[in-house]
Protein backbone atom coordinates (compact mmCIF):
# COMPACT_ATOMS: atom_id res chain seq x y z
CA UNK A 1 38.21 -3.23 16.07
CA UNK A 2 36.04 -0.75 14.04
CA UNK A 3 35.91 -3.73 11.57
CA UNK A 4 34.50 -6.20 13.68
CA UNK A 5 31.91 -3.30 15.11
CA UNK A 6 30.87 -2.34 11.35
CA UNK A 7 30.43 -6.63 10.12
CA UNK A 8 28.87 -6.81 14.02
CA UNK A 9 26.62 -3.92 12.96
CA UNK A 10 25.64 -4.98 9.12
CA UNK A 11 24.44 -8.17 10.39
CA UNK A 12 21.93 -7.06 12.73
CA UNK A 13 20.93 -4.16 10.37
CA UNK A 14 20.35 -6.76 7.65
CA UNK A 15 18.98 -9.29 9.85
CA UNK A 16 16.11 -6.15 11.14
CA UNK A 17 16.09 -4.75 7.56
CA UNK A 18 17.30 -1.47 9.08
CA UNK A 19 17.83 0.89 5.76
CA UNK A 20 19.23 3.85 8.17
CA UNK A 21 21.92 1.55 9.35
CA UNK A 22 22.80 -0.28 6.84
CA UNK A 23 23.43 2.93 4.76
CA UNK A 24 25.09 4.05 7.27
CA UNK A 25 27.51 0.89 7.94
CA UNK A 26 28.63 0.10 4.54
CA UNK A 27 29.77 3.40 4.06
CA UNK A 28 31.88 3.18 7.22
CA UNK A 29 33.08 -0.70 5.35
CA UNK A 30 33.82 1.28 2.23
CA UNK A 31 35.95 3.65 4.19
CA UNK A 32 37.20 1.01 5.63
CA UNK A 33 37.95 -0.60 2.52
CA UNK A 34 36.54 -3.78 3.99
CA UNK A 35 35.69 -4.80 -0.40
CA UNK A 36 38.84 -5.31 -0.73
CA UNK A 37 40.07 -8.91 -1.14
CA UNK A 38 41.87 -8.79 1.88
CA UNK A 39 38.98 -8.89 4.00
CA UNK A 40 37.17 -12.36 2.03
CA UNK A 41 34.62 -13.11 5.02
CA UNK A 42 34.33 -9.10 5.94
CA UNK A 43 33.77 -8.47 2.12
CA UNK A 44 31.23 -11.63 2.48
CA UNK A 45 28.87 -9.59 5.35
CA UNK A 46 29.49 -6.20 2.99
CA UNK A 47 28.16 -8.21 -0.47
CA UNK A 48 24.93 -10.14 2.02
CA UNK A 49 24.69 -5.94 3.63
CA UNK A 50 24.43 -4.46 0.05
CA UNK A 51 21.87 -7.20 -1.30
CA UNK A 52 19.67 -6.49 1.87
CA UNK A 53 19.67 -3.20 1.32
CA UNK A 54 18.61 -3.23 -2.91
CA UNK A 55 15.67 -5.30 -1.88
CA UNK A 56 14.47 -3.59 1.25
CA UNK A 57 15.00 -0.20 -1.28
CA UNK A 58 12.98 -1.16 -3.91
CA UNK A 59 10.59 -2.71 -1.87
CA UNK A 60 10.08 0.72 -0.37
CA UNK A 61 10.81 2.77 -3.30
CA UNK A 62 7.57 0.17 -4.93
CA UNK A 63 5.61 0.72 -1.93
CA UNK A 64 5.60 3.89 -2.29
CA UNK A 65 4.65 4.65 -5.44
CA UNK A 66 1.97 2.27 -4.94
CA UNK A 67 0.41 3.99 -2.34
CA UNK A 68 0.86 7.05 -4.41
CA UNK A 69 -1.35 5.76 -6.88
CA UNK A 70 -3.81 4.73 -4.83
CA UNK A 71 -3.26 1.12 -6.79
CA UNK A 72 -4.53 -1.45 -4.98
CA UNK A 73 -3.06 -4.34 -6.47
CA UNK A 74 0.35 -3.03 -6.45
CA UNK A 75 -0.04 -2.24 -2.24
CA UNK A 76 -1.37 -5.87 -1.93
CA UNK A 77 1.92 -7.20 -4.07
CA UNK A 78 4.37 -5.23 -2.50
CA UNK A 79 3.07 -5.61 1.08
CA UNK A 80 3.34 -8.79 0.34
CA UNK A 81 6.85 -8.80 -1.26
CA UNK A 82 7.81 -6.92 2.31
CA UNK A 83 6.18 -10.01 3.87
CA UNK A 84 8.32 -12.18 2.73
CA UNK A 85 11.12 -9.73 2.73
CA UNK A 86 10.74 -9.49 6.32
CA UNK A 87 10.55 -5.69 5.78
CA UNK A 88 8.57 -3.86 8.10
CA UNK A 89 9.04 -0.10 8.73
CA UNK A 90 7.08 3.01 8.50
CA UNK A 91 6.32 2.61 5.01
CA UNK A 92 4.64 -1.13 5.44
CA UNK A 93 2.87 -0.28 7.97
CA UNK A 94 0.56 3.12 6.18
CA UNK A 95 1.09 1.17 2.88
CA UNK A 96 -1.14 -1.38 4.68
CA UNK A 97 -3.52 0.49 6.52
CA UNK A 98 -4.02 2.29 3.11
CA UNK A 99 -4.65 -1.15 1.65
CA UNK A 100 -7.70 -1.72 3.96
CA UNK A 101 -8.94 1.59 3.30
CA UNK A 102 -9.11 1.02 -0.33
CA UNK A 103 -10.57 -2.48 1.13
CA UNK A 104 -13.43 -1.37 2.68
CA UNK A 105 -13.71 1.70 0.29
CA UNK A 106 -14.61 -0.46 -2.07
CA UNK A 107 -16.92 -2.20 -0.28
CA UNK A 108 -18.65 0.86 0.34
CA UNK A 109 -18.83 1.59 -3.22
CA UNK A 110 -19.81 -1.67 -4.64
CA UNK A 111 -23.19 -1.11 -1.76
CA UNK A 112 -23.91 2.16 -2.58
CA UNK A 113 -24.03 1.90 -6.56
CA UNK A 114 -26.35 -2.04 -6.00
CA UNK A 115 -28.82 -0.39 -3.82
CA UNK A 116 -28.32 3.80 -5.05
CA UNK A 117 -29.27 5.32 -1.26
CA UNK A 118 -28.62 8.76 -1.07
CA UNK A 119 -26.96 7.59 2.14
CA UNK A 120 -24.54 4.92 1.11
CA UNK A 121 -23.70 7.39 -2.20
CA UNK A 122 -22.06 9.87 0.48
CA UNK A 123 -20.30 7.86 2.68
CA UNK A 124 -18.70 5.28 -0.37
CA UNK A 125 -17.90 8.86 -2.50
CA UNK A 126 -16.27 10.48 1.72
CA UNK A 127 -14.40 7.12 1.47
CA UNK A 128 -12.94 7.52 -1.26
CA UNK A 129 -12.09 11.14 -1.78
CA UNK A 130 -10.72 10.58 1.37
CA UNK A 131 -7.94 8.54 0.57
CA UNK A 132 -7.52 9.78 -3.34
CA UNK A 133 -9.68 6.52 -4.72
CA UNK A 134 -10.03 6.74 -8.71
CA UNK A 135 -11.66 3.78 -10.14
CA UNK A 136 -15.11 3.64 -12.50
CA UNK A 137 -17.11 2.18 -9.32
CA UNK A 138 -16.07 6.09 -7.94
CA UNK A 139 -17.23 7.65 -11.23
CA UNK A 140 -20.00 5.50 -11.28
CA UNK A 141 -21.11 6.78 -7.46
CA UNK A 142 -19.90 10.64 -8.07
CA UNK A 143 -22.24 10.02 -11.77
CA UNK A 144 -25.11 8.92 -9.61
CA UNK A 145 -24.85 11.66 -6.90
CA UNK A 146 -24.57 14.27 -9.55
CA UNK A 147 -28.15 13.06 -11.09
CA UNK A 148 -31.37 15.67 -10.21
CA UNK A 149 -33.69 14.55 -8.36
CA UNK A 150 -36.63 12.60 -11.39
CA UNK A 151 -33.29 10.76 -12.50
CA UNK A 152 -31.92 10.19 -9.31
CA UNK A 153 -35.29 8.57 -8.53
CA UNK A 154 -35.29 6.32 -11.84
CA UNK A 155 -32.02 4.79 -10.97
CA UNK A 156 -33.61 3.70 -7.13
CA UNK A 157 -36.51 2.31 -8.56
CA UNK A 158 -34.08 0.36 -11.44
CA UNK A 159 -31.77 -0.60 -8.39
CA UNK A 160 -35.26 -1.59 -6.15
CA UNK A 161 -35.99 -3.63 -9.19
CA UNK A 162 -32.26 -5.20 -9.30
CA UNK A 163 -32.84 -5.82 -5.48
CA UNK A 164 -35.23 -8.73 -3.67
CA UNK A 165 -36.50 -5.37 -2.66
CA UNK A 166 -40.48 -5.89 -3.14
CA UNK A 167 -41.20 -2.96 -0.12
CA UNK A 168 -39.13 -0.22 -1.96
CA UNK A 169 -40.28 -0.75 -5.35
CA UNK A 170 -43.73 -0.50 -3.80
CA UNK A 171 -42.94 3.03 -1.71
């Protein structure tokens, strides 16, 4: 009856890594007394479901913290962990999107600092601001954008001298 429905539900929710269903069904299991020694097989299912729920909750929590901090390394680590756990949710998808945006912003920032072109610096700065990215590279871009015209031209000349872009040096 009710106990076998809860067991079946726990097995499905564990397989699907469904945090909400796991919490609900584990509460029902508790009410039904399925953790008592009288229910050996059912207790095993409950125990496994509790373990899965713990992993899912930890992963979600860590992903949310990494996203809030816009931390590329932590996001990459916990996304990989979620994939190994076969855990996918709105949180994991948001974190994957954020990680892709961080990687793209970092590429723009590196290029902008290397070439010191106003349009590149603005695009990189906008990409970083859009995701609240704070790194030394972001600070460097902001410093370059804050320079007065003379100092900016000097920075452009230094950058041009470092690049194999003789045409630009001569302009």
